[in-house]
Structures are given as structure tokens and as C-alpha cells.
Amino acid sequence: MSEVPLSFDPGPEYRDDVRRTRARVTAMTPEAAKATLLELIETFPSLVLTPEERRSPVLAYRRGPNDPLL
């Protein structure tokens, strides 16, 4: 039995949300973008790694082989 993979279509509402969000981001000034980013970081502090986590060998793949702190 073979199954034909179906393509995922989230619907027109999702596509409209994406268009509105892209337009909003495009219209942002650098200062507004920075303010939004800082708001997100305050809301989700786990978005930013602590210095100890950045030096962790487990997370070295995030930094790359040429990072001087490896």
C-alpha cells in the first residue's frame, strides 16, 4: 500500500497573518525592531543563552568550529 503525501495548507487566514506580519516588520525602523526584540527577551528570557551555556561543549554546534571560546 502506498500513500501519497499531502501538502500542508494552513489556510487563507494564516497566509493573511503572514502577509500582515511581513509588512509590519518591513515597515519597522531599526529602533522599533530593537524595542520589539527587547520586549520579547523580557517575555521569554530563555531566548538568550547565559555565558555559561554559550561556552558549553554541548552547545558548541550553535557557535561553529571557528569560535575562539571553544
Protein backbone atom coordinates (compact mmCIF):
# COMPACT_ATOMS: atom_id res chain seq x y z
CA MET A 1 0.00 0.00 0.00
CA SER A 2 1.45 3.35 -0.96
CA GLU A 3 0.39 6.67 0.45
CA VAL A 4 0.65 9.92 -1.40
CA PRO A 5 1.99 12.61 0.93
CA LEU A 6 -0.41 15.50 1.19
CA SER A 7 0.91 19.04 1.21
CA PHE A 8 0.06 21.04 4.30
CA ASP A 9 -2.13 24.08 3.68
CA PRO A 10 -2.75 26.15 6.82
CA GLY A 11 -5.50 28.14 5.14
CA PRO A 12 -6.14 31.69 3.96
CA GLU A 13 -6.29 33.16 7.48
CA TYR A 14 -2.76 32.00 8.20
CA ARG A 15 -1.47 33.37 4.90
CA ASP A 16 -3.13 36.73 5.63
CA ASP A 17 -1.48 36.80 9.08
CA VAL A 18 1.90 36.09 7.49
CA ARG A 19 1.43 38.88 4.93
CA ARG A 20 0.39 41.38 7.61
CA THR A 21 3.32 40.40 9.83
CA ARG A 22 5.84 40.66 6.99
CA ALA A 23 4.51 44.11 6.08
CA ARG A 24 4.71 45.21 9.72
CA VAL A 25 8.31 44.00 10.06
CA THR A 26 9.32 45.63 6.77
CA ALA A 27 7.88 48.97 7.93
CA MET A 28 9.74 48.90 11.27
CA THR A 29 12.56 51.30 11.95
CA PRO A 30 15.71 49.81 13.50
CA GLU A 31 14.76 51.41 16.84
CA ALA A 32 11.28 49.88 16.76
CA ALA A 33 12.72 46.48 15.84
CA LYS A 34 15.18 46.68 18.73
CA ALA A 35 12.41 47.66 21.16
CA THR A 36 10.27 44.72 19.98
CA LEU A 37 13.21 42.34 20.35
CA LEU A 38 13.92 43.57 23.88
CA GLU A 39 10.22 43.10 24.75
CA LEU A 40 10.39 39.51 23.53
CA ILE A 41 13.55 38.86 25.52
CA GLU A 42 11.85 40.19 28.66
CA THR A 43 8.84 37.97 27.95
CA PHE A 44 10.91 34.88 27.12
CA PRO A 45 14.26 35.14 28.94
CA SER A 46 15.17 31.64 27.78
CA LEU A 47 15.64 33.04 24.25
CA VAL A 48 19.04 34.32 25.35
CA LEU A 49 21.71 31.88 26.50
CA THR A 50 23.70 32.63 29.62
CA PRO A 51 27.51 32.98 29.26
CA GLU A 52 27.96 29.53 30.82
CA GLU A 53 25.60 27.96 28.30
CA ARG A 54 27.36 29.70 25.40
CA ARG A 55 30.65 28.07 26.46
CA SER A 56 29.10 24.64 26.99
CA PRO A 57 30.59 21.93 24.74
CA VAL A 58 27.08 20.53 24.36
CA LEU A 59 26.02 23.74 22.64
CA ALA A 60 29.22 24.15 20.61
CA TYR A 61 27.35 23.22 17.44
CA ARG A 62 25.48 26.54 17.72
CA ARG A 63 28.69 28.54 17.66
CA GLY A 64 30.66 26.76 14.97
CA PRO A 65 34.16 25.32 14.83
CA ASN A 66 35.94 28.69 14.43
CA ASP A 67 34.62 30.24 17.64
CA PRO A 68 37.56 31.42 19.77
CA LEU A 69 35.85 30.36 23.02
CA LEU A 70 35.76 26.65 22.15
